[in-house]
């Protein structure tokens, strides 16, 4: 699944949210795909990143969010992470 395959709104926000499923991908691919998706994302929109990589969840995506000045929330469910990056 790519970032452009799932686009819609959620109950949490009226801004568009894209979902990027990177489960099973090894570094640096989750980072590269997240960066490409964030580059295309309009201001105020969110990118939900699904990953099973702790390095992606705890290092790569937080650094990427900081570079964009974006907010980041993360949750872990078993072996998978759900990260939501919201562009300012």
C-alpha atoms as a PDB file:
ATOM      1  CA  UNK A   1       0.000   0.000   0.000  1.00  0.00           C
ATOM      2  CA  UNK A   2       1.306   3.443  -0.825  1.00  0.00           C
ATOM      3  CA  UNK A   3       0.583   6.770   0.812  1.00  0.00           C
ATOM      4  CA  UNK A   4      -1.705   7.792  -2.010  1.00  0.00           C
ATOM      5  CA  UNK A   5      -3.866   4.664  -1.868  1.00  0.00           C
ATOM      6  CA  UNK A   6      -5.699   5.672   1.291  1.00  0.00           C
ATOM      7  CA  UNK A   7      -6.880   9.247   1.665  1.00  0.00           C
ATOM      8  CA  UNK A   8      -9.788  10.454   3.677  1.00  0.00           C
ATOM      9  CA  UNK A   9     -10.942  12.153   6.825  1.00  0.00           C
ATOM     10  CA  UNK A  10     -11.140  10.837  10.342  1.00  0.00           C
ATOM     11  CA  UNK A  11     -13.402  11.609  13.263  1.00  0.00           C
ATOM     12  CA  UNK A  12     -10.405  13.153  15.054  1.00  0.00           C
ATOM     13  CA  UNK A  13      -9.850  15.904  12.501  1.00  0.00           C
ATOM     14  CA  UNK A  14     -11.421  17.381   9.414  1.00  0.00           C
ATOM     15  CA  UNK A  15      -8.045  17.693   7.689  1.00  0.00           C
ATOM     16  CA  UNK A  16      -7.150  14.956   5.207  1.00  0.00           C
ATOM     17  CA  UNK A  17      -5.170  12.021   6.574  1.00  0.00           C
ATOM     18  CA  UNK A  18      -3.077   9.714   4.463  1.00  0.00           C
ATOM     19  CA  UNK A  19      -2.094   6.250   5.642  1.00  0.00           C
ATOM     20  CA  UNK A  20       1.313   4.846   4.780  1.00  0.00           C
ATOM     21  CA  UNK A  21       1.791   1.146   5.550  1.00  0.00           C
ATOM     22  CA  UNK A  22       5.501   0.349   5.865  1.00  0.00           C
ATOM     23  CA  UNK A  23       5.116  -2.875   7.862  1.00  0.00           C
ATOM     24  CA  UNK A  24       7.752  -5.349   6.712  1.00  0.00           C
ATOM     25  CA  UNK A  25       9.988  -2.725   5.085  1.00  0.00           C
ATOM     26  CA  UNK A  26      13.567  -2.328   6.280  1.00  0.00           C
ATOM     27  CA  UNK A  27      15.422   0.944   6.726  1.00  0.00           C
ATOM     28  CA  UNK A  28      15.772   3.243   4.918  1.00  0.00           C
ATOM     29  CA  UNK A  29      12.567   2.534   2.960  1.00  0.00           C
ATOM     30  CA  UNK A  30      10.035   3.597   5.628  1.00  0.00           C
ATOM     31  CA  UNK A  31      11.903   6.897   6.027  1.00  0.00           C
ATOM     32  CA  UNK A  32      12.103   7.483   2.267  1.00  0.00           C
ATOM     33  CA  UNK A  33       8.408   6.759   1.735  1.00  0.00           C
ATOM     34  CA  UNK A  34       7.408   8.907   4.719  1.00  0.00           C
ATOM     35  CA  UNK A  35       9.488  11.815   3.432  1.00  0.00           C
ATOM     36  CA  UNK A  36       7.950  11.540  -0.045  1.00  0.00           C
ATOM     37  CA  UNK A  37       4.450  11.461   1.441  1.00  0.00           C
ATOM     38  CA  UNK A  38       5.140  14.422   3.732  1.00  0.00           C
ATOM     39  CA  UNK A  39       6.561  16.434   0.842  1.00  0.00           C
ATOM     40  CA  UNK A  40       3.265  15.990  -1.025  1.00  0.00           C
ATOM     41  CA  UNK A  41       1.058  16.602   2.027  1.00  0.00           C
ATOM     42  CA  UNK A  42      -0.674  19.994   2.348  1.00  0.00           C
ATOM     43  CA  UNK A  43      -0.298  22.122   5.454  1.00  0.00           C
ATOM     44  CA  UNK A  44      -2.572  21.002   8.288  1.00  0.00           C
ATOM     45  CA  UNK A  45      -2.927  17.460   6.965  1.00  0.00           C
ATOM     46  CA  UNK A  46      -1.751  14.313   8.737  1.00  0.00           C
ATOM     47  CA  UNK A  47       0.196  11.256   7.689  1.00  0.00           C
ATOM     48  CA  UNK A  48      -0.438   8.033   9.595  1.00  0.00           C
ATOM     49  CA  UNK A  49       2.563   5.718   9.324  1.00  0.00           C
ATOM     50  CA  UNK A  50       2.241   2.052  10.211  1.00  0.00           C
ATOM     51  CA  UNK A  51       5.513   0.251  10.912  1.00  0.00           C
ATOM     52  CA  UNK A  52       7.000  -2.727  12.700  1.00  0.00           C
ATOM     53  CA  UNK A  53      10.451  -1.134  12.803  1.00  0.00           C
ATOM     54  CA  UNK A  54      11.468   0.275  16.175  1.00  0.00           C
ATOM     55  CA  UNK A  55      14.225   2.319  14.514  1.00  0.00           C
ATOM     56  CA  UNK A  56      11.663   3.940  12.229  1.00  0.00           C
ATOM     57  CA  UNK A  57       9.255   4.619  15.097  1.00  0.00           C
ATOM     58  CA  UNK A  58      11.781   5.849  17.658  1.00  0.00           C
ATOM     59  CA  UNK A  59      14.382   7.575  15.505  1.00  0.00           C
ATOM     60  CA  UNK A  60      13.762   8.143  11.797  1.00  0.00           C
ATOM     61  CA  UNK A  61      10.192   9.450  11.862  1.00  0.00           C
ATOM     62  CA  UNK A  62      10.659  11.660  14.965  1.00  0.00           C
ATOM     63  CA  UNK A  63      13.696  13.265  13.295  1.00  0.00           C
ATOM     64  CA  UNK A  64      11.712  13.728  10.075  1.00  0.00           C
ATOM     65  CA  UNK A  65       8.799  15.304  11.969  1.00  0.00           C
ATOM     66  CA  UNK A  66      11.200  17.701  13.692  1.00  0.00           C
ATOM     67  CA  UNK A  67      12.697  18.721  10.339  1.00  0.00           C
ATOM     68  CA  UNK A  68       9.205  19.637   9.110  1.00  0.00           C
ATOM     69  CA  UNK A  69       8.249  21.367  12.355  1.00  0.00           C
ATOM     70  CA  UNK A  70       5.389  18.859  12.534  1.00  0.00           C
ATOM     71  CA  UNK A  71       3.675  17.341  15.553  1.00  0.00           C
ATOM     72  CA  UNK A  72       4.068  13.626  16.191  1.00  0.00           C
ATOM     73  CA  UNK A  73       2.062  11.122  18.188  1.00  0.00           C
ATOM     74  CA  UNK A  74       2.915   7.454  18.425  1.00  0.00           C
ATOM     75  CA  UNK A  75       1.350   4.353  19.861  1.00  0.00           C
ATOM     76  CA  UNK A  76       2.586   0.784  19.979  1.00  0.00           C
ATOM     77  CA  UNK A  77       0.288  -2.218  19.678  1.00  0.00           C
ATOM     78  CA  UNK A  78       2.184  -5.474  20.046  1.00  0.00           C
ATOM     79  CA  UNK A  79       5.001  -5.411  17.500  1.00  0.00           C
ATOM     80  CA  UNK A  80       3.505  -2.594  15.399  1.00  0.00           C
ATOM     81  CA  UNK A  81       3.694   1.161  15.732  1.00  0.00           C
ATOM     82  CA  UNK A  82       1.185   3.783  14.609  1.00  0.00           C
ATOM     83  CA  UNK A  83       2.735   7.216  14.099  1.00  0.00           C
ATOM     84  CA  UNK A  84       0.738  10.287  13.159  1.00  0.00           C
ATOM     85  CA  UNK A  85       2.659  13.256  11.779  1.00  0.00           C
ATOM     86  CA  UNK A  86       0.683  16.477  11.334  1.00  0.00           C
ATOM     87  CA  UNK A  87       2.199  19.229   9.213  1.00  0.00           C
ATOM     88  CA  UNK A  88       1.893  22.763  10.533  1.00  0.00           C
END
